[in-house]
Amino acid sequence: MQITANKVVTIDYTLTDEQGQVIDSSQGRDPLAYLHGFNNIIPGLESALEGRSSGDSLNVVVAPGEAYGERDDALVQSVSRELFEDAEQLEVGMRFQSVSEQGVRLVTVVEVADDSVTVDSNHPLAGLTLNFDVTVVDVREASQEELEHGHVHGPEGHHHD
């Protein structure tokens, strides 16, 4: 069966940056299952998988525009340290949810000063060219419930309580 919209696709993958440093991998874990055509994975990888079948292996290079976007320096800002409940415990690299006019964003602390904290709300992989080594493990029809919910259910996917 070929990968097309409305199919449940299961893949093994290793994601590396341009220097070959591993960023993420399914190695040692269950493969990743997603619903194709529902924006559950980055666009560049999803389009590269279109038309592939179970057992296919491929290397995919995804530019920032087809992944997590370019870095935007306007998304790095200094805010009052008083905005953080545990201001004494702040460390570079900590991540928090922030609510703004644009909705909920994940921010990363990049600098801590006496009165202020510099946060970056770019995705951590923004601006990076991503390299995927992918093997298609399985392709199957999605259930009606999966299509209605927009994500995978079952042993390799999301469960509702």
Protein backbone atom coordinates (compact mmCIF):
# COMPACT_ATOMS: atom_id res chain seq x y z
CA MET A 1 0.00 0.00 0.00
CA GLN A 2 1.33 3.44 -0.90
CA ILE A 3 1.47 6.45 1.41
CA THR A 4 -1.29 8.88 0.49
CA ALA A 5 -3.64 11.17 2.41
CA ASN A 6 -5.72 9.48 5.12
CA LYS A 7 -3.29 6.58 5.63
CA VAL A 8 -1.69 5.69 8.95
CA VAL A 9 2.07 5.56 8.37
CA THR A 10 4.57 4.02 10.77
CA ILE A 11 8.26 4.93 10.36
CA ASP A 12 11.60 4.33 11.99
CA TYR A 13 13.78 7.41 11.74
CA THR A 14 16.94 9.13 12.82
CA LEU A 15 17.07 12.93 12.65
CA THR A 16 20.45 14.66 12.43
CA ASP A 17 21.63 18.23 11.92
CA GLU A 18 24.01 19.35 9.17
CA GLN A 19 27.02 18.26 11.24
CA GLY A 20 25.61 14.73 11.62
CA GLN A 21 24.72 15.20 15.29
CA VAL A 22 21.70 13.05 16.24
CA ILE A 23 18.79 15.26 17.35
CA ASP A 24 16.13 12.55 17.69
CA SER A 25 15.63 8.91 16.78
CA SER A 26 13.09 6.13 17.12
CA GLN A 27 15.96 3.68 17.71
CA GLY A 28 15.30 1.77 20.92
CA ARG A 29 11.68 2.93 20.96
CA ASP A 30 8.50 2.15 19.10
CA PRO A 31 8.36 3.52 15.55
CA LEU A 32 6.53 6.81 14.99
CA ALA A 33 2.94 6.45 13.73
CA TYR A 34 1.19 9.44 12.17
CA LEU A 35 -1.85 10.22 10.02
CA HIS A 36 -0.64 11.29 6.57
CA GLY A 37 -2.09 14.53 5.22
CA PHE A 38 -3.07 15.97 8.61
CA ASN A 39 0.08 18.05 9.30
CA ASN A 40 1.13 15.67 12.09
CA ILE A 41 4.79 15.82 10.92
CA ILE A 42 6.81 18.58 9.27
CA PRO A 43 5.77 19.35 5.67
CA GLY A 44 9.11 18.51 4.04
CA LEU A 45 9.21 15.02 5.50
CA GLU A 46 5.55 14.35 4.81
CA SER A 47 5.88 15.30 1.13
CA ALA A 48 9.02 13.14 0.75
CA LEU A 49 7.09 10.13 2.11
CA GLU A 50 4.15 10.60 -0.27
CA GLY A 51 3.87 7.60 -2.61
CA ARG A 52 6.32 5.44 -0.64
CA SER A 53 5.48 1.93 0.56
CA SER A 54 6.21 -0.36 3.47
CA GLY A 55 9.89 -1.36 3.46
CA ASP A 56 11.10 1.75 1.60
CA SER A 57 14.14 3.50 3.06
CA LEU A 58 15.12 7.05 2.19
CA ASN A 59 17.30 9.94 3.23
CA VAL A 60 15.51 13.28 3.25
CA VAL A 61 17.07 16.73 3.61
CA VAL A 62 14.51 19.28 4.81
CA ALA A 63 15.22 23.02 4.57
CA PRO A 64 14.03 25.27 7.42
CA GLY A 65 11.10 26.59 5.38
CA GLU A 66 9.68 23.05 5.11
CA ALA A 67 10.49 22.21 8.74
CA TYR A 68 10.27 24.62 11.69
CA GLY A 69 10.84 27.86 9.80
CA GLU A 70 13.67 30.36 9.83
CA ARG A 71 14.84 31.85 13.11
CA ASP A 72 13.17 35.18 13.88
CA ASP A 73 15.26 37.49 16.07
CA ALA A 74 12.08 39.39 16.99
CA LEU A 75 11.03 36.29 18.96
CA VAL A 76 13.93 36.79 21.38
CA GLN A 77 13.06 39.29 24.08
CA SER A 78 13.98 40.41 27.54
CA VAL A 79 11.21 40.28 30.15
CA SER A 80 10.98 41.13 33.82
CA ARG A 81 12.24 38.41 36.13
CA GLU A 82 9.14 39.07 38.24
CA LEU A 83 7.02 37.30 35.57
CA PHE A 84 8.42 33.95 36.74
CA GLU A 85 7.00 32.34 39.88
CA ASP A 86 10.26 30.62 40.86
CA ALA A 87 12.59 33.42 39.76
CA GLU A 88 15.39 32.22 42.07
CA GLN A 89 15.45 28.83 40.33
CA LEU A 90 15.77 30.10 36.74
CA GLU A 91 18.49 28.56 34.58
CA VAL A 92 19.47 28.89 30.93
CA GLY A 93 17.78 26.15 28.90
CA MET A 94 14.60 25.97 31.00
CA ARG A 95 11.39 25.97 28.96
CA PHE A 96 8.05 27.53 29.83
CA GLN A 97 4.66 28.10 28.26
CA SER A 98 3.83 31.73 27.63
CA VAL A 99 0.42 33.14 26.77
CA SER A 100 0.34 36.14 24.42
CA GLU A 101 -1.92 37.72 21.80
CA GLN A 102 -0.59 35.07 19.37
CA GLY A 103 -1.71 32.26 21.70
CA VAL A 104 0.30 29.80 23.77
CA ARG A 105 4.01 29.64 22.89
CA LEU A 106 6.85 27.60 24.30
CA VAL A 107 9.77 29.81 25.33
CA THR A 108 13.33 28.87 26.22
CA VAL A 109 15.39 30.84 28.74
CA VAL A 110 18.58 31.96 27.00
CA GLU A 111 19.94 34.45 29.57
CA VAL A 112 19.27 35.23 33.23
CA ALA A 113 20.21 38.66 34.67
CA ASP A 114 19.49 40.27 38.03
CA ASP A 115 16.23 41.96 36.97
CA SER A 116 15.44 40.38 33.61
CA VAL A 117 15.26 37.11 31.73
CA THR A 118 15.88 36.77 28.00
CA VAL A 119 13.56 34.22 26.39
CA ASP A 120 13.45 32.81 22.88
CA SER A 121 10.11 31.65 21.46
CA ASN A 122 11.57 30.29 18.21
CA HIS A 123 11.17 26.52 17.87
CA PRO A 124 14.47 24.95 19.03
CA LEU A 125 14.99 23.55 15.51
CA ALA A 126 14.08 26.79 13.68
CA GLY A 127 16.68 27.79 11.12
CA LEU A 128 18.17 24.30 10.89
CA THR A 129 18.39 22.09 7.83
CA LEU A 130 17.26 18.67 9.04
CA ASN A 131 18.42 15.29 7.74
CA PHE A 132 16.15 12.28 8.16
CA ASP A 133 17.13 8.66 7.64
CA VAL A 134 13.71 6.98 7.38
CA THR A 135 12.39 3.46 6.90
CA VAL A 136 8.68 2.98 6.25
CA VAL A 137 7.59 0.20 8.63
CA ASP A 138 3.89 0.04 7.80
CA VAL A 139 1.11 1.76 5.85
CA ARG A 140 -2.56 1.07 6.59
CA GLU A 141 -5.98 2.56 6.12
CA ALA A 142 -6.99 4.99 8.86
CA SER A 143 -10.12 4.22 10.85
CA GLN A 144 -13.08 6.58 10.65
CA GLU A 145 -12.40 7.62 14.26
CA GLU A 146 -8.74 8.43 13.46
CA LEU A 147 -9.85 10.54 10.48
CA GLU A 148 -12.41 12.38 12.61
CA HIS A 149 -9.86 13.07 15.36
CA GLY A 150 -6.97 13.86 13.01
CA HIS A 151 -4.46 11.53 14.68
CA VAL A 152 -3.56 7.86 15.10
CA HIS A 153 -5.23 5.63 17.70
CA GLY A 154 -4.34 2.14 18.78
CA PRO A 155 -1.19 0.37 19.98
CA GLU A 156 1.21 2.65 18.11
CA GLY A 157 -0.72 5.89 18.46
CA HIS A 158 -2.80 8.10 20.70
CA HIS A 159 -5.30 6.65 23.18
CA HIS A 160 -8.34 8.45 24.57
CA ASP A 161 -9.22 7.86 28.22
